[in-house]
Amino acid sequence: MQRKRVLITGAAGFLGSHLCDRFVQEGFHVIAMDNLITGRMANIEHLLPLEQFEFYRQDVTKFIHIPRDLHYILHFASPASPIDYLKIPAPIVQYNMLRVPMGLPLALASMTEPLACVLHGLARSHIKPHDRVVVLGDGAIGLMFVGVLARELQAQVFLWGGNNHRLQIGQQLGASQIFNYHHVTDIPTTVRELTDGWGADVVIEATGVPSVWETAISCSRPGGTVNLFGGCPKDTRININTEQLHYDELTVKGVFHNTPKYVRDALSLIQSRRIAFELLISNQAPLEDLEQALNDMKARLAIKVAIVPH
């Protein structure tokens, strides 16, 4: 029987070498690739005599032809720590950094990473134009969701939050209607009233509060999607209405972090200035006021504070 073939890059590193061991044990033919800048040959030398293992010393940024088809590719070729970065500064900059476009304020450019997470979350939510979308949470992430949903995806957005000033910013970013949960407490019933009795096409939870996760699921229409984007504290649990989950055929998912594609897309979107992300920058502060800035954000006195070193 022919073995399945897997290519593992970064194969001589900590993670890559353990993956090589595991895939060999599972009966795969392993093609290992590493340029050995940070990886160590000692991690995989015990595999070299094996017929089902082959090693290429190769920089993955340079083309190489691997004969025959591959069933899987596991890409782990990346320096693991800042200490490694010092060994190869030019490639790190070339492949892992983006130039801030000329004329773009650094305070705006600094929002690239959280916006990239939002773009990843939206891509996984499969939004269609004119979808009715509920966003729960008026923090920076929730407000970014509102801006992209309304301005880029042409969705009808209903925003819930607890701060009237932030909700007004959400309205400026394109929310169709805004609600303060202190005053409108039965969110699922209100959502059904807004959607002809159905519920939202997509619900995005952006608070990281377990009880709000439960509310998000209750707001969905049959066949809807619930994106539990806000990360909850470790070891927390939620209760789910199994009848709704099963018979309404809900799609409930968590989405985390981003990829290089969404980082590039986020910086491009910020540069376009099609969305007024500057509304999320409450103020600027010098580096010596960093602790106060963090406390202000924790107390919800500020959305984002741009730290300007002097």
Protein backbone atom coordinates (compact mmCIF):
# COMPACT_ATOMS: atom_id res chain seq x y z
CA MET A 1 0.00 0.00 0.00
CA GLN A 2 1.40 3.42 -1.00
CA ARG A 3 2.14 5.75 1.87
CA LYS A 4 0.52 9.19 2.00
CA ARG A 5 3.08 11.95 1.58
CA VAL A 6 3.34 14.98 3.87
CA LEU A 7 5.65 17.98 3.55
CA ILE A 8 6.67 19.57 6.87
CA THR A 9 8.54 22.88 6.75
CA GLY A 10 10.50 24.04 9.75
CA ALA A 11 11.06 20.36 10.32
CA ALA A 12 14.19 20.71 12.45
CA GLY A 13 12.53 23.06 14.94
CA PHE A 14 10.79 22.08 18.15
CA LEU A 15 7.27 21.71 16.73
CA GLY A 16 8.34 20.52 13.29
CA SER A 17 10.57 17.74 14.59
CA HIS A 18 7.82 16.37 16.85
CA LEU A 19 5.44 16.43 13.88
CA CYS A 20 7.99 14.48 11.84
CA ASP A 21 8.17 11.85 14.57
CA ARG A 22 4.39 11.56 14.78
CA PHE A 23 3.75 11.33 11.05
CA VAL A 24 6.47 8.71 10.62
CA GLN A 25 4.87 6.71 13.45
CA GLU A 26 1.48 7.04 11.72
CA GLY A 27 2.89 5.50 8.54
CA PHE A 28 3.32 8.57 6.36
CA HIS A 29 6.16 9.31 3.97
CA VAL A 30 7.58 12.52 5.43
CA ILE A 31 9.40 15.15 3.37
CA ALA A 32 11.14 17.43 5.87
CA MET A 33 12.38 20.89 4.94
CA ASP A 34 14.43 23.37 7.00
CA ASN A 35 17.19 25.91 6.34
CA LEU A 36 18.70 25.21 9.79
CA ILE A 37 19.02 28.89 10.70
CA THR A 38 17.23 28.24 13.97
CA GLY A 39 16.36 24.55 13.66
CA ARG A 40 18.77 21.82 14.79
CA MET A 41 19.69 18.77 12.77
CA ALA A 42 19.97 16.83 16.04
CA ASN A 43 16.18 17.01 16.36
CA ILE A 44 15.61 14.82 13.29
CA GLU A 45 18.87 12.95 12.65
CA HIS A 46 17.40 9.76 14.14
CA LEU A 47 14.89 9.75 11.26
CA LEU A 48 17.43 10.07 8.42
CA PRO A 49 18.09 6.32 8.01
CA LEU A 50 14.38 5.62 7.48
CA GLU A 51 13.14 4.89 3.97
CA GLN A 52 9.94 6.87 4.56
CA PHE A 53 11.81 10.04 5.57
CA GLU A 54 13.70 12.50 3.38
CA PHE A 55 15.25 15.86 4.25
CA TYR A 56 15.80 19.00 2.18
CA ARG A 57 17.98 21.81 3.50
CA GLN A 58 16.07 24.63 1.89
CA ASP A 59 14.80 28.17 2.48
CA VAL A 60 11.03 27.96 1.95
CA THR A 61 10.96 31.46 0.45
CA LYS A 62 12.97 30.09 -2.50
CA PHE A 63 11.40 27.80 -5.10
CA ILE A 64 12.08 24.10 -4.96
CA HIS A 65 10.43 21.28 -6.90
CA ILE A 66 9.23 18.34 -4.85
CA PRO A 67 8.67 15.34 -7.13
CA ARG A 68 5.36 13.52 -6.95
CA ASP A 69 2.13 14.70 -5.39
CA LEU A 70 1.72 15.71 -1.76
CA HIS A 71 -1.30 14.82 0.34
CA TYR A 72 -0.62 17.35 3.11
CA ILE A 73 1.57 20.40 3.71
CA LEU A 74 2.29 21.55 7.28
CA HIS A 75 4.03 24.93 7.27
CA PHE A 76 5.99 25.57 10.48
CA ALA A 77 8.97 27.44 9.02
CA SER A 78 9.24 30.49 11.24
CA PRO A 79 11.82 31.76 13.74
CA ALA A 80 10.45 31.07 17.17
CA SER A 81 11.57 34.01 19.31
CA PRO A 82 13.05 37.52 19.28
CA ILE A 83 16.46 35.97 19.95
CA ASP A 84 16.15 34.18 16.61
CA TYR A 85 15.02 37.39 14.91
CA LEU A 86 18.41 38.96 15.69
CA LYS A 87 20.13 36.28 13.60
CA ILE A 88 18.19 37.11 10.43
CA PRO A 89 16.87 40.69 10.73
CA ALA A 90 16.52 41.35 6.99
CA PRO A 91 14.30 38.32 6.20
CA ILE A 92 12.18 39.02 9.30
CA VAL A 93 11.50 42.53 8.06
CA GLN A 94 10.99 41.39 4.46
CA TYR A 95 8.43 38.69 5.20
CA ASN A 96 6.87 39.72 8.52
CA MET A 97 6.43 43.48 8.46
CA LEU A 98 4.32 45.90 6.44
CA ARG A 99 5.35 49.43 5.56
CA VAL A 100 3.00 52.08 6.94
CA PRO A 101 1.64 53.93 3.88
CA MET A 102 2.85 57.49 3.43
CA GLY A 103 0.55 59.97 5.09
CA LEU A 104 -1.32 57.43 7.23
CA PRO A 105 -1.26 58.49 10.91
CA LEU A 106 0.51 55.95 13.10
CA ALA A 107 -2.41 56.00 15.53
CA LEU A 108 -4.66 54.67 12.78
CA ALA A 109 -2.08 52.20 11.47
CA SER A 110 -1.76 50.76 14.99
CA MET A 111 -5.32 49.41 14.72
CA THR A 112 -4.30 47.03 11.93
CA GLU A 113 -4.04 43.93 14.14
CA PRO A 114 -7.46 44.12 15.85
CA LEU A 115 -9.10 45.03 12.55
CA ALA A 116 -7.42 42.00 10.93
CA CYS A 117 -9.08 39.81 13.58
CA VAL A 118 -12.43 41.43 12.76
CA LEU A 119 -11.99 40.81 9.02
CA HIS A 120 -11.17 37.17 9.76
CA GLY A 121 -14.29 36.91 11.91
CA LEU A 122 -16.47 38.40 9.17
CA ALA A 123 -15.02 36.10 6.52
CA ARG A 124 -15.99 33.12 8.68
CA SER A 125 -19.52 34.51 9.18
CA HIS A 126 -20.49 34.53 5.48
CA ILE A 127 -22.34 37.84 5.52
CA LYS A 128 -24.50 38.69 2.50
CA PRO A 129 -25.65 42.19 1.49
CA HIS A 130 -28.76 43.27 3.41
CA ASP A 131 -28.36 40.55 6.04
CA ARG A 132 -29.76 41.60 9.38
CA VAL A 133 -26.85 41.38 11.80
CA VAL A 134 -26.86 41.82 15.58
CA VAL A 135 -23.61 42.97 17.19
CA LEU A 136 -23.44 42.55 20.97
CA GLY A 137 -20.73 44.75 22.44
CA ASP A 138 -19.73 48.39 21.99
CA GLY A 139 -16.00 48.03 22.62
CA ALA A 140 -13.41 48.73 19.93
CA ILE A 141 -13.87 45.28 18.38
CA GLY A 142 -17.67 45.52 18.30
CA LEU A 143 -17.50 49.00 16.76
CA MET A 144 -15.03 47.79 14.13
CA PHE A 145 -17.48 45.02 13.26
CA VAL A 146 -20.22 47.63 12.87
CA GLY A 147 -18.14 49.80 10.55
CA VAL A 148 -17.12 46.99 8.21
CA LEU A 149 -20.55 45.35 8.24
CA ALA A 150 -22.35 48.57 7.37
CA ARG A 151 -19.88 50.31 5.07
CA GLU A 152 -18.22 47.39 3.29
CA LEU A 153 -20.73 44.54 3.39
CA GLN A 154 -23.99 46.55 3.20
CA ALA A 155 -25.54 44.72 6.13
CA GLN A 156 -28.31 46.08 8.34
CA VAL A 157 -26.70 46.28 11.77
CA PHE A 158 -28.37 46.36 15.18
CA LEU A 159 -25.86 47.29 17.87
CA TRP A 160 -26.23 46.61 21.60
CA GLY A 161 -23.97 48.12 24.23
CA GLY A 162 -23.94 49.76 27.62
CA ASN A 163 -22.46 53.19 26.90
CA ASN A 164 -24.48 55.85 25.09
CA HIS A 165 -21.41 57.65 23.76
CA ARG A 166 -20.03 54.44 22.24
CA LEU A 167 -23.44 53.60 20.81
CA GLN A 168 -23.54 56.99 19.10
CA ILE A 169 -20.16 56.24 17.56
CA GLY A 170 -21.64 52.95 16.36
CA GLN A 171 -24.43 54.92 14.69
CA GLN A 172 -21.84 57.15 13.00
CA LEU A 173 -20.10 54.02 11.76
CA GLY A 174 -23.32 52.81 10.14
CA ALA A 175 -25.44 50.94 12.69
CA SER A 176 -29.09 51.03 11.61
CA GLN A 177 -30.33 51.05 15.19
CA ILE A 178 -28.58 51.21 18.57
CA PHE A 179 -29.77 49.90 21.94
CA ASN A 180 -28.54 50.35 25.48
CA TYR A 181 -28.94 47.01 27.25
CA HIS A 182 -29.52 48.86 30.54
CA HIS A 183 -32.80 50.12 29.06
CA VAL A 184 -33.71 47.33 26.60
CA THR A 185 -33.00 44.21 28.63
CA ASP A 186 -34.88 41.51 26.68
CA ILE A 187 -32.55 41.45 23.71
CA PRO A 188 -33.83 38.27 21.93
CA THR A 189 -37.46 39.50 21.99
CA THR A 190 -36.43 42.91 20.66
CA VAL A 191 -34.39 41.27 17.88
CA ARG A 192 -37.40 39.20 16.81
CA GLU A 193 -39.55 42.34 16.76
CA LEU A 194 -36.98 44.01 14.49
CA THR A 195 -36.84 41.02 12.12
CA ASP A 196 -40.51 40.20 11.53
CA GLY A 197 -40.48 37.54 14.21
CA TRP A 198 -37.53 35.58 12.78
CA GLY A 199 -34.33 36.61 14.53
CA ALA A 200 -31.04 37.82 13.10
CA ASP A 201 -29.37 36.26 10.07
CA VAL A 202 -26.01 36.60 11.82
CA VAL A 203 -25.19 37.39 15.46
CA ILE A 204 -21.71 38.55 16.48
CA GLU A 205 -20.84 38.37 20.17
CA ALA A 206 -18.02 40.80 20.99
CA THR A 207 -17.97 40.99 24.79
CA GLY A 208 -16.43 37.72 26.01
CA VAL A 209 -19.09 37.38 28.72
CA PRO A 210 -20.60 33.86 29.02
CA SER A 211 -24.14 35.11 29.65
CA VAL A 212 -23.92 37.24 26.50
CA TRP A 213 -22.86 34.16 24.55
CA GLU A 214 -26.15 32.59 25.61
CA THR A 215 -28.04 35.74 24.59
CA ALA A 216 -26.32 35.72 21.19
CA ILE A 217 -27.51 32.20 20.43
CA SER A 218 -31.06 33.13 21.47
CA CYS A 219 -31.07 36.03 18.98
CA SER A 220 -30.51 33.90 15.87
CA ARG A 221 -33.12 32.99 13.29
CA PRO A 222 -33.57 29.37 12.15
CA GLY A 223 -30.60 28.52 9.94
CA GLY A 224 -28.68 31.53 11.22
CA THR A 225 -25.02 31.91 12.16
CA VAL A 226 -23.74 32.87 15.61
CA ASN A 227 -20.13 34.03 15.80
CA LEU A 228 -18.92 33.83 19.41
CA PHE A 229 -16.00 36.17 18.77
CA GLY A 230 -15.37 37.49 22.28
CA GLY A 231 -13.12 35.15 24.24
CA CYS A 232 -14.45 34.20 27.70
CA PRO A 233 -12.35 33.57 30.82
CA LYS A 234 -10.77 30.13 31.16
CA ASP A 235 -12.97 27.24 32.29
CA THR A 236 -16.26 29.13 31.95
CA ARG A 237 -19.37 27.30 30.74
CA ILE A 238 -22.63 28.29 29.05
CA ASN A 239 -26.09 26.72 28.80
CA ILE A 240 -27.55 26.14 25.34
CA ASN A 241 -31.14 25.49 24.33
CA THR A 242 -30.61 22.16 22.60
CA GLU A 243 -33.99 22.29 20.90
CA GLN A 244 -33.13 25.58 19.22
CA LEU A 245 -29.63 24.47 18.32
CA HIS A 246 -30.83 21.23 16.73
CA TYR A 247 -34.20 21.98 15.16
CA ASP A 248 -33.31 25.50 14.01
CA GLU A 249 -30.11 24.14 12.44
CA LEU A 250 -27.94 26.90 13.86
CA THR A 251 -24.30 27.36 12.96
CA VAL A 252 -22.45 28.33 16.14
CA LYS A 253 -18.73 28.97 15.88
CA GLY A 254 -15.83 30.62 17.61
CA VAL A 255 -13.35 32.61 15.53
CA PHE A 256 -9.92 33.58 16.82
CA HIS A 257 -7.03 35.78 15.71
CA ASN A 258 -6.10 36.44 12.04
CA THR A 259 -3.85 35.44 9.16
CA PRO A 260 -1.31 37.46 7.11
CA LYS A 261 -3.95 37.99 4.43
CA TYR A 262 -6.30 39.75 6.84
CA VAL A 263 -3.45 41.86 8.23
CA ARG A 264 -2.71 43.15 4.72
CA ASP A 265 -6.42 43.66 4.03
CA ALA A 266 -6.85 45.55 7.31
CA LEU A 267 -4.02 47.97 6.63
CA SER A 268 -5.36 48.56 3.12
CA LEU A 269 -8.86 49.25 4.48
CA ILE A 270 -7.52 51.68 7.08
CA GLN A 271 -5.48 53.45 4.41
CA SER A 272 -8.56 53.83 2.20
CA ARG A 273 -10.24 55.95 4.92
CA ARG A 274 -13.63 54.59 3.79
CA ILE A 275 -14.49 53.92 7.45
CA ALA A 276 -13.93 56.54 10.16
CA PHE A 277 -11.82 54.38 12.46
CA GLU A 278 -10.41 57.58 13.98
CA LEU A 279 -13.66 57.75 15.95
CA LEU A 280 -12.32 54.88 18.07
CA ILE A 281 -9.26 56.83 19.25
CA SER A 282 -10.45 58.56 22.40
CA ASN A 283 -7.18 60.43 22.97
CA GLN A 284 -3.40 60.32 22.74
CA ALA A 285 -0.97 60.05 25.64
CA PRO A 286 2.80 59.97 26.20
CA LEU A 287 4.50 56.73 27.13
CA GLU A 288 4.80 57.72 30.79
CA ASP A 289 0.98 57.80 30.99
CA LEU A 290 0.61 54.24 29.69
CA GLU A 291 -0.67 52.85 32.99
CA GLN A 292 -3.34 55.53 33.22
CA ALA A 293 -4.36 54.90 29.61
CA LEU A 294 -4.78 51.18 30.30
CA ASN A 295 -6.81 51.92 33.41
CA ASP A 296 -9.03 54.32 31.45
CA MET A 297 -9.73 51.63 28.86
CA LYS A 298 -10.39 49.03 31.55
CA ALA A 299 -12.87 51.42 33.19
CA ARG A 300 -14.46 52.09 29.77
CA LEU A 301 -13.55 55.76 29.99
CA ALA A 302 -11.71 55.42 26.67
CA ILE A 303 -12.09 53.15 23.65
CA LYS A 304 -8.53 53.31 22.27
CA VAL A 305 -5.66 55.47 23.47
CA ALA A 306 -2.76 56.13 21.11
CA ILE A 307 0.54 56.05 23.02
CA VAL A 308 3.00 58.51 21.49
CA PRO A 309 6.61 57.98 22.72
CA HIS A 310 8.73 61.09 23.07
